[in-house]
Amino acid sequence: MPPLLVLVSSEERRGAAAGSGGSAASSSSGPRSAGGPSPRPSRRSFSAEYKLAIVAEYENAPNGEKGAILRREGLYSSHVIEWTRARDAGALGGGPDSRRSAQRSRRSAEAVELERLRARNAKLEADLTKTRTALDIMGKAHALLEQLSGSADDQEPPTPRKKH
């Protein structure tokens, strides 16, 4: 009998590790099971807490590590983009609570937007500093090359050496 193949998402692994997940064998979605073809795999769904955790981890990761997070979790960048937009719109906060006022939820959405814009501003400021430093270096290199070019014009060209 061929071995049973079981596919488990990283969220299910986390849940199983925490003791809240179900049996991994009961969620088999392999190519074949003992009773014939397996049922069609179900679409993955992610909790709001998971989405928020992944978005936060993705945003805080350096550029080279972002792809590693996506590979580890089995996600696409479009997931994170969609979840970030939902978070910024206030849709990932667990949905609007009837006990909360509309003004309070609007303020939290504004606070999220303000935080996002401040982070973007900080990144742009850092980029501007790098650009200014690069331009300063380029200016100094240009001046040095001009100076070398001018001193080369003042000197006589070297006489070619004869071969022995």
N, C-alpha and C. Protein backbone atom coordinates (compact mmCIF):
# COMPACT_ATOMS: atom_id res chain seq x y z
N MET A 1 0.84 -1.17 0.00
CA MET A 1 0.00 0.00 0.00
C MET A 1 0.90 1.24 0.00
N PRO A 2 0.66 2.23 -0.90
CA PRO A 2 1.51 3.42 -0.95
C PRO A 2 1.31 4.27 0.31
N PRO A 3 2.33 5.02 0.70
CA PRO A 3 2.21 5.86 1.91
C PRO A 3 1.17 6.96 1.70
N LEU A 4 0.55 7.37 2.75
CA LEU A 4 -0.47 8.41 2.72
C LEU A 4 0.20 9.77 2.78
N LEU A 5 -0.10 10.63 1.81
CA LEU A 5 0.50 11.96 1.74
C LEU A 5 -0.43 12.95 2.41
N VAL A 6 0.08 13.73 3.34
CA VAL A 6 -0.72 14.70 4.07
C VAL A 6 -0.12 16.08 3.88
N LEU A 7 -0.93 17.03 3.41
CA LEU A 7 -0.49 18.41 3.24
C LEU A 7 -1.06 19.23 4.39
N VAL A 8 -0.20 19.94 5.08
CA VAL A 8 -0.63 20.73 6.23
C VAL A 8 -0.11 22.14 6.04
N SER A 9 -0.98 23.15 6.16
CA SER A 9 -0.54 24.54 6.03
C SER A 9 0.24 24.94 7.26
N SER A 10 1.01 26.02 7.12
CA SER A 10 1.81 26.47 8.25
C SER A 10 0.93 26.93 9.39
N GLU A 11 -0.26 27.45 9.09
CA GLU A 11 -1.17 27.87 10.16
C GLU A 11 -1.69 26.64 10.91
N GLU A 12 -1.97 25.55 10.19
CA GLU A 12 -2.41 24.32 10.85
C GLU A 12 -1.29 23.74 11.70
N ARG A 13 -0.03 23.85 11.20
CA ARG A 13 1.10 23.37 12.00
C ARG A 13 1.22 24.16 13.28
N ARG A 14 1.06 25.48 13.19
CA ARG A 14 1.13 26.31 14.38
C ARG A 14 0.04 25.92 15.36
N GLY A 15 -1.17 25.72 14.84
CA GLY A 15 -2.29 25.33 15.70
C GLY A 15 -2.05 23.98 16.34
N ALA A 16 -1.49 23.04 15.58
CA ALA A 16 -1.22 21.71 16.13
C ALA A 16 -0.12 21.79 17.18
N ALA A 17 0.86 22.64 16.95
CA ALA A 17 1.94 22.78 17.92
C ALA A 17 1.43 23.40 19.21
N ALA A 18 0.43 24.26 19.10
CA ALA A 18 -0.14 24.90 20.29
C ALA A 18 -1.17 24.01 20.97
N GLY A 19 -1.51 22.92 20.33
CA GLY A 19 -2.47 21.99 20.92
C GLY A 19 -3.90 22.28 20.54
N SER A 20 -4.12 23.32 19.71
CA SER A 20 -5.48 23.65 19.34
C SER A 20 -5.87 23.09 17.99
N GLY A 21 -4.93 22.52 17.24
CA GLY A 21 -5.22 22.00 15.91
C GLY A 21 -5.78 20.60 15.97
N GLY A 22 -6.45 20.22 14.91
CA GLY A 22 -7.02 18.88 14.84
C GLY A 22 -5.98 17.88 14.39
N SER A 23 -6.39 16.68 14.19
CA SER A 23 -5.50 15.62 13.74
C SER A 23 -5.05 15.89 12.33
N ALA A 24 -3.76 15.79 12.07
CA ALA A 24 -3.24 16.05 10.73
C ALA A 24 -3.69 14.98 9.76
N ALA A 25 -3.88 13.75 10.23
CA ALA A 25 -4.28 12.67 9.35
C ALA A 25 -5.71 12.85 8.87
N SER A 26 -6.55 13.51 9.64
CA SER A 26 -7.94 13.68 9.24
C SER A 26 -8.10 14.71 8.15
N SER A 27 -7.07 15.55 7.93
CA SER A 27 -7.19 16.58 6.91
C SER A 27 -6.36 16.25 5.69
N SER A 28 -6.26 14.98 5.35
CA SER A 28 -5.43 14.60 4.22
C SER A 28 -6.02 15.13 2.94
N SER A 29 -5.16 15.69 2.12
CA SER A 29 -5.60 16.17 0.82
C SER A 29 -4.59 15.71 -0.22
N GLY A 30 -4.06 14.55 -0.01
CA GLY A 30 -3.05 13.99 -0.90
C GLY A 30 -3.64 13.55 -2.21
N PRO A 31 -2.79 13.12 -3.14
CA PRO A 31 -3.27 12.73 -4.45
C PRO A 31 -4.15 11.48 -4.42
N ARG A 32 -3.88 10.55 -3.52
CA ARG A 32 -4.70 9.33 -3.41
C ARG A 32 -4.80 8.95 -1.95
N SER A 33 -5.95 8.48 -1.56
CA SER A 33 -6.10 7.92 -0.21
C SER A 33 -6.53 6.47 -0.36
N ALA A 34 -6.68 5.76 0.75
CA ALA A 34 -7.00 4.35 0.69
C ALA A 34 -8.34 4.08 0.02
N GLY A 35 -9.30 4.99 0.14
CA GLY A 35 -10.63 4.77 -0.40
C GLY A 35 -10.83 5.26 -1.82
N GLY A 36 -9.78 5.61 -2.53
CA GLY A 36 -9.91 6.11 -3.89
C GLY A 36 -9.43 7.55 -3.97
N PRO A 37 -9.89 8.29 -4.98
CA PRO A 37 -9.41 9.66 -5.14
C PRO A 37 -9.86 10.52 -3.95
N SER A 38 -8.99 11.42 -3.57
CA SER A 38 -9.31 12.29 -2.42
C SER A 38 -10.28 13.38 -2.86
N PRO A 39 -11.00 13.94 -1.91
CA PRO A 39 -11.91 15.03 -2.27
C PRO A 39 -11.10 16.25 -2.69
N ARG A 40 -11.78 17.15 -3.37
CA ARG A 40 -11.14 18.37 -3.83
C ARG A 40 -10.59 19.15 -2.63
N PRO A 41 -9.34 19.65 -2.70
CA PRO A 41 -8.77 20.38 -1.57
C PRO A 41 -9.59 21.64 -1.28
N SER A 42 -9.72 21.94 -0.01
CA SER A 42 -10.50 23.13 0.35
C SER A 42 -9.59 24.35 0.33
N ARG A 43 -10.19 25.48 0.10
CA ARG A 43 -9.46 26.74 0.06
C ARG A 43 -9.00 27.10 1.46
N ARG A 44 -7.77 27.55 1.56
CA ARG A 44 -7.23 27.94 2.87
C ARG A 44 -7.90 29.24 3.32
N SER A 45 -8.11 29.33 4.61
CA SER A 45 -8.60 30.59 5.17
C SER A 45 -7.72 30.94 6.34
N PHE A 46 -7.52 32.22 6.55
CA PHE A 46 -6.61 32.69 7.58
C PHE A 46 -7.36 33.59 8.54
N SER A 47 -7.04 33.46 9.81
CA SER A 47 -7.69 34.30 10.81
C SER A 47 -7.14 35.72 10.74
N ALA A 48 -7.90 36.66 11.28
CA ALA A 48 -7.46 38.06 11.28
C ALA A 48 -6.17 38.21 12.07
N GLU A 49 -6.03 37.47 13.18
CA GLU A 49 -4.82 37.56 13.99
C GLU A 49 -3.60 37.08 13.20
N TYR A 50 -3.77 35.98 12.44
CA TYR A 50 -2.68 35.46 11.63
C TYR A 50 -2.28 36.47 10.57
N LYS A 51 -3.28 37.05 9.90
CA LYS A 51 -3.00 38.04 8.85
C LYS A 51 -2.24 39.23 9.43
N LEU A 52 -2.69 39.74 10.57
CA LEU A 52 -2.03 40.88 11.18
C LEU A 52 -0.60 40.54 11.60
N ALA A 53 -0.41 39.33 12.12
CA ALA A 53 0.93 38.91 12.53
C ALA A 53 1.86 38.82 11.33
N ILE A 54 1.39 38.25 10.24
CA ILE A 54 2.22 38.10 9.04
C ILE A 54 2.53 39.46 8.44
N VAL A 55 1.53 40.35 8.36
CA VAL A 55 1.76 41.68 7.80
C VAL A 55 2.81 42.42 8.64
N ALA A 56 2.68 42.34 9.97
CA ALA A 56 3.65 43.02 10.84
C ALA A 56 5.05 42.43 10.66
N GLU A 57 5.15 41.11 10.61
CA GLU A 57 6.45 40.47 10.43
C GLU A 57 7.05 40.83 9.08
N TYR A 58 6.22 40.85 8.03
CA TYR A 58 6.67 41.17 6.68
C TYR A 58 7.17 42.60 6.60
N GLU A 59 6.41 43.53 7.21
CA GLU A 59 6.80 44.94 7.14
C GLU A 59 8.07 45.22 7.94
N ASN A 60 8.30 44.49 9.02
CA ASN A 60 9.46 44.72 9.86
C ASN A 60 10.70 43.99 9.37
N ALA A 61 10.54 43.09 8.41
CA ALA A 61 11.68 42.31 7.90
C ALA A 61 12.50 43.15 6.93
N PRO A 62 13.83 42.95 6.93
CA PRO A 62 14.63 43.62 5.91
C PRO A 62 14.28 43.06 4.53
N ASN A 63 14.59 43.83 3.49
CA ASN A 63 14.17 43.44 2.13
C ASN A 63 14.57 42.04 1.74
N GLY A 64 15.74 41.57 2.11
CA GLY A 64 16.19 40.24 1.72
C GLY A 64 15.45 39.11 2.42
N GLU A 65 14.79 39.40 3.54
CA GLU A 65 14.12 38.37 4.33
C GLU A 65 12.64 38.23 4.01
N LYS A 66 12.08 39.17 3.26
CA LYS A 66 10.64 39.15 2.99
C LYS A 66 10.22 37.91 2.20
N GLY A 67 11.02 37.56 1.21
CA GLY A 67 10.73 36.37 0.42
C GLY A 67 10.79 35.10 1.25
N ALA A 68 11.71 35.06 2.21
CA ALA A 68 11.84 33.89 3.08
C ALA A 68 10.58 33.71 3.93
N ILE A 69 10.01 34.81 4.37
CA ILE A 69 8.77 34.73 5.15
C ILE A 69 7.65 34.16 4.29
N LEU A 70 7.55 34.66 3.06
CA LEU A 70 6.49 34.18 2.15
C LEU A 70 6.67 32.69 1.86
N ARG A 71 7.91 32.26 1.61
CA ARG A 71 8.16 30.84 1.33
C ARG A 71 7.84 29.99 2.55
N ARG A 72 8.27 30.44 3.72
CA ARG A 72 8.04 29.68 4.95
C ARG A 72 6.56 29.48 5.21
N GLU A 73 5.77 30.51 4.95
CA GLU A 73 4.33 30.44 5.23
C GLU A 73 3.53 29.92 4.04
N GLY A 74 4.16 29.76 2.88
CA GLY A 74 3.44 29.28 1.70
C GLY A 74 2.48 30.32 1.17
N LEU A 75 2.90 31.59 1.19
CA LEU A 75 2.04 32.70 0.77
C LEU A 75 2.62 33.38 -0.46
N TYR A 76 1.82 34.23 -1.07
CA TYR A 76 2.25 35.05 -2.19
C TYR A 76 2.28 36.50 -1.72
N SER A 77 3.07 37.32 -2.40
CA SER A 77 3.14 38.73 -2.01
C SER A 77 1.78 39.40 -2.14
N SER A 78 0.94 38.91 -3.06
CA SER A 78 -0.40 39.49 -3.22
C SER A 78 -1.24 39.31 -1.96
N HIS A 79 -1.00 38.20 -1.21
CA HIS A 79 -1.71 38.01 0.05
C HIS A 79 -1.38 39.15 1.00
N VAL A 80 -0.08 39.41 1.15
CA VAL A 80 0.36 40.43 2.10
C VAL A 80 -0.13 41.81 1.67
N ILE A 81 -0.09 42.09 0.38
CA ILE A 81 -0.57 43.38 -0.12
C ILE A 81 -2.05 43.55 0.20
N GLU A 82 -2.83 42.52 -0.08
CA GLU A 82 -4.27 42.57 0.18
C GLU A 82 -4.55 42.72 1.67
N TRP A 83 -3.82 41.99 2.49
CA TRP A 83 -4.03 42.05 3.94
C TRP A 83 -3.60 43.40 4.50
N THR A 84 -2.54 43.99 3.93
CA THR A 84 -2.10 45.31 4.37
C THR A 84 -3.17 46.35 4.06
N ARG A 85 -3.73 46.28 2.87
CA ARG A 85 -4.81 47.22 2.51
C ARG A 85 -6.02 47.04 3.42
N ALA A 86 -6.35 45.79 3.71
CA ALA A 86 -7.49 45.54 4.60
C ALA A 86 -7.20 46.07 6.00
N ARG A 87 -5.97 45.88 6.47
CA ARG A 87 -5.60 46.40 7.79
C ARG A 87 -5.67 47.92 7.82
N ASP A 88 -5.16 48.56 6.77
CA ASP A 88 -5.17 50.02 6.71
C ASP A 88 -6.58 50.58 6.63
N ALA A 89 -7.49 49.80 6.03
CA ALA A 89 -8.89 50.22 5.95
C ALA A 89 -9.64 49.90 7.23
N GLY A 90 -8.99 49.18 8.13
CA GLY A 90 -9.62 48.82 9.41
C GLY A 90 -10.45 47.56 9.34
N ALA A 91 -10.35 46.81 8.25
CA ALA A 91 -11.16 45.60 8.09
C ALA A 91 -10.57 44.39 8.82
N LEU A 92 -9.29 44.43 9.21
CA LEU A 92 -8.69 43.28 9.88
C LEU A 92 -8.76 43.39 11.39
N GLY A 93 -9.39 44.39 11.91
CA GLY A 93 -9.48 44.54 13.35
C GLY A 93 -10.54 43.66 13.95
N GLY A 94 -11.00 42.65 13.25
CA GLY A 94 -12.04 41.76 13.74
C GLY A 94 -13.42 42.24 13.34
N GLY A 95 -13.49 43.20 12.45
CA GLY A 95 -14.79 43.71 12.01
C GLY A 95 -15.29 44.77 12.95
N PRO A 96 -16.18 45.62 12.48
CA PRO A 96 -16.69 46.68 13.34
C PRO A 96 -17.54 46.10 14.47
N ASP A 97 -17.27 46.51 15.67
CA ASP A 97 -18.00 46.06 16.84
C ASP A 97 -19.15 47.02 17.08
N SER A 98 -20.33 46.50 17.36
CA SER A 98 -21.49 47.36 17.56
C SER A 98 -21.33 48.22 18.80
N ARG A 99 -20.47 47.83 19.75
CA ARG A 99 -20.27 48.62 20.95
C ARG A 99 -19.35 49.81 20.70
N ARG A 100 -18.58 49.77 19.63
CA ARG A 100 -17.66 50.87 19.34
C ARG A 100 -18.34 51.91 18.48
N SER A 101 -18.04 53.14 18.72
CA SER A 101 -18.64 54.21 17.92
C SER A 101 -17.93 54.31 16.57
N ALA A 102 -18.60 54.87 15.59
CA ALA A 102 -18.01 55.03 14.27
C ALA A 102 -16.83 56.00 14.33
N GLN A 103 -16.94 57.02 15.19
CA GLN A 103 -15.86 57.99 15.30
C GLN A 103 -14.59 57.33 15.85
N ARG A 104 -14.72 56.46 16.82
CA ARG A 104 -13.57 55.79 17.41
C ARG A 104 -12.88 54.89 16.38
N SER A 105 -13.67 54.13 15.61
CA SER A 105 -13.06 53.26 14.61
C SER A 105 -12.42 54.09 13.51
N ARG A 106 -13.02 55.25 13.19
CA ARG A 106 -12.43 56.11 12.18
C ARG A 106 -11.09 56.65 12.68
N ARG A 107 -11.03 57.01 13.95
CA ARG A 107 -9.79 57.51 14.51
C ARG A 107 -8.71 56.43 14.46
N SER A 108 -9.07 55.20 14.74
CA SER A 108 -8.05 54.15 14.69
C SER A 108 -7.58 53.92 13.26
N ALA A 109 -8.48 54.02 12.30
CA ALA A 109 -8.08 53.89 10.89
C ALA A 109 -7.17 55.06 10.52
N GLU A 110 -7.49 56.25 11.03
CA GLU A 110 -6.63 57.41 10.77
C GLU A 110 -5.27 57.22 11.44
N ALA A 111 -5.26 56.65 12.63
CA ALA A 111 -4.00 56.41 13.32
C ALA A 111 -3.14 55.41 12.55
N VAL A 112 -3.78 54.39 12.00
CA VAL A 112 -3.05 53.40 11.20
C VAL A 112 -2.47 54.06 9.96
N GLU A 113 -3.28 54.89 9.31
CA GLU A 113 -2.82 55.60 8.11
C GLU A 113 -1.67 56.54 8.47
N LEU A 114 -1.79 57.24 9.59
CA LEU A 114 -0.74 58.15 10.03
C LEU A 114 0.56 57.39 10.29
N GLU A 115 0.45 56.24 10.94
CA GLU A 115 1.63 55.41 11.21
C GLU A 115 2.28 54.95 9.91
N ARG A 116 1.45 54.54 8.97
CA ARG A 116 1.96 54.08 7.67
C ARG A 116 2.67 55.22 6.95
N LEU A 117 2.08 56.41 6.97
CA LEU A 117 2.68 57.55 6.28
C LEU A 117 3.97 57.99 6.97
N ARG A 118 4.00 57.91 8.29
CA ARG A 118 5.24 58.27 9.00
C ARG A 118 6.36 57.31 8.65
N ALA A 119 6.04 56.02 8.57
CA ALA A 119 7.06 55.03 8.19
C ALA A 119 7.55 55.28 6.77
N ARG A 120 6.64 55.61 5.88
CA ARG A 120 7.02 55.90 4.49
C ARG A 120 7.88 57.15 4.43
N ASN A 121 7.51 58.16 5.22
CA ASN A 121 8.29 59.39 5.27
C ASN A 121 9.71 59.12 5.76
N ALA A 122 9.84 58.30 6.79
CA ALA A 122 11.16 57.96 7.32
C ALA A 122 12.00 57.24 6.27
N LYS A 123 11.37 56.34 5.52
CA LYS A 123 12.09 55.62 4.46
C LYS A 123 12.55 56.59 3.38
N LEU A 124 11.67 57.52 3.00
CA LEU A 124 12.03 58.49 1.96
C LEU A 124 13.14 59.43 2.44
N GLU A 125 13.10 59.81 3.71
CA GLU A 125 14.17 60.65 4.27
C GLU A 125 15.51 59.91 4.21
N ALA A 126 15.50 58.62 4.54
CA ALA A 126 16.74 57.83 4.48
C ALA A 126 17.24 57.74 3.04
N ASP A 127 16.32 57.54 2.09
CA ASP A 127 16.70 57.48 0.67
C ASP A 127 17.29 58.81 0.21
N LEU A 128 16.69 59.91 0.67
CA LEU A 128 17.19 61.24 0.30
C LEU A 128 18.60 61.45 0.84
N THR A 129 18.85 61.03 2.06
CA THR A 129 20.18 61.16 2.65
C THR A 129 21.20 60.36 1.83
N LYS A 130 20.83 59.13 1.45
CA LYS A 130 21.74 58.32 0.64
C LYS A 130 22.02 58.99 -0.70
N THR A 131 20.98 59.55 -1.32
CA THR A 131 21.14 60.20 -2.62
C THR A 131 22.05 61.41 -2.51
N ARG A 132 21.85 62.21 -1.47
CA ARG A 132 22.70 63.40 -1.27
C ARG A 132 24.16 62.99 -1.05
N THR A 133 24.38 61.94 -0.28
CA THR A 133 25.74 61.46 -0.05
C THR A 133 26.37 60.99 -1.35
N ALA A 134 25.61 60.27 -2.16
CA ALA A 134 26.12 59.80 -3.45
C ALA A 134 26.46 60.97 -4.37
N LEU A 135 25.60 61.99 -4.39
CA LEU A 135 25.87 63.16 -5.24
C LEU A 135 27.12 63.90 -4.75
N ASP A 136 27.31 64.00 -3.46
CA ASP A 136 28.49 64.65 -2.91
C ASP A 136 29.75 63.90 -3.32
N ILE A 137 29.71 62.57 -3.24
CA ILE A 137 30.85 61.76 -3.64
C ILE A 137 31.12 61.92 -5.13
N MET A 138 30.06 61.94 -5.93
CA MET A 138 30.22 62.10 -7.38
C MET A 138 30.83 63.46 -7.71
N GLY A 139 30.42 64.50 -6.98
CA GLY A 139 30.98 65.84 -7.20
C GLY A 139 32.47 65.87 -6.89
N LYS A 140 32.85 65.23 -5.78
CA LYS A 140 34.27 65.18 -5.41
C LYS A 140 35.07 64.38 -6.43
N ALA A 141 34.52 63.28 -6.90
CA ALA A 141 35.21 62.47 -7.91
C ALA A 141 35.37 63.26 -9.20
N HIS A 142 34.34 64.02 -9.58
CA HIS A 142 34.41 64.84 -10.80
C HIS A 142 35.50 65.90 -10.66
N ALA A 143 35.55 66.57 -9.50
CA ALA A 143 36.57 67.59 -9.27
C ALA A 143 37.97 66.99 -9.32
N LEU A 144 38.14 65.81 -8.74
CA LEU A 144 39.44 65.14 -8.76
C LEU A 144 39.85 64.80 -10.19
N LEU A 145 38.90 64.28 -10.98
CA LEU A 145 39.21 63.94 -12.37
C LEU A 145 39.55 65.19 -13.18
N GLU A 146 38.87 66.29 -12.92
CA GLU A 146 39.17 67.56 -13.60
C GLU A 146 40.59 68.00 -13.27
N GLN A 147 40.93 67.88 -11.97
CA GLN A 147 42.26 68.28 -11.52
C GLN A 147 43.33 67.41 -12.18
N LEU A 148 43.10 66.10 -12.23
CA LEU A 148 44.05 65.20 -12.87
C LEU A 148 44.17 65.47 -14.36
N SER A 149 43.05 65.78 -14.98
CA SER A 149 43.05 66.06 -16.42
C SER A 149 43.83 67.34 -16.69
N GLY A 150 43.66 68.34 -15.85
CA GLY A 150 44.38 69.61 -16.03
C GLY A 150 45.87 69.42 -15.83
N SER A 151 46.28 68.65 -14.83
CA SER A 151 47.71 68.44 -14.60
C SER A 151 48.32 67.58 -15.70
N ALA A 152 47.53 66.74 -16.32
CA ALA A 152 48.05 65.91 -17.43
C ALA A 152 48.28 66.76 -18.66
N ASP A 153 47.48 67.82 -18.86
CA ASP A 153 47.66 68.70 -20.02
C ASP A 153 48.93 69.54 -19.87
N ASP A 154 49.32 69.87 -18.66
CA ASP A 154 50.49 70.70 -18.41
C ASP A 154 51.80 69.94 -18.65
N GLN A 155 51.80 68.68 -18.49
CA GLN A 155 53.02 67.89 -18.63
C GLN A 155 53.23 67.48 -20.08
N GLU A 156 54.53 67.24 -20.41
CA GLU A 156 54.82 66.72 -21.74
C GLU A 156 54.47 65.24 -21.77
N PRO A 157 54.04 64.76 -22.91
CA PRO A 157 53.73 63.33 -22.99
C PRO A 157 55.00 62.52 -22.83
N PRO A 158 54.92 61.38 -22.17
CA PRO A 158 56.12 60.56 -21.99
C PRO A 158 56.63 60.03 -23.33
N THR A 159 57.94 59.92 -23.45
CA THR A 159 58.53 59.40 -24.69
C THR A 159 58.42 57.90 -24.67
N PRO A 160 58.09 57.30 -25.81
CA PRO A 160 57.97 55.84 -25.86
C PRO A 160 59.31 55.18 -25.67
N ARG A 161 59.30 54.09 -24.95
CA ARG A 161 60.52 53.32 -24.69
C ARG A 161 60.80 52.39 -25.87
N LYS A 162 62.05 52.26 -26.17
CA LYS A 162 62.44 51.37 -27.27
C LYS A 162 62.60 49.97 -26.73
N LYS A 163 62.25 49.01 -27.53
CA LYS A 163 62.41 47.62 -27.14
C LYS A 163 63.84 47.18 -27.39
N HIS A 164 64.36 46.36 -26.55
CA HIS A 164 65.75 45.86 -26.68
C HIS A 164 65.81 44.67 -27.54
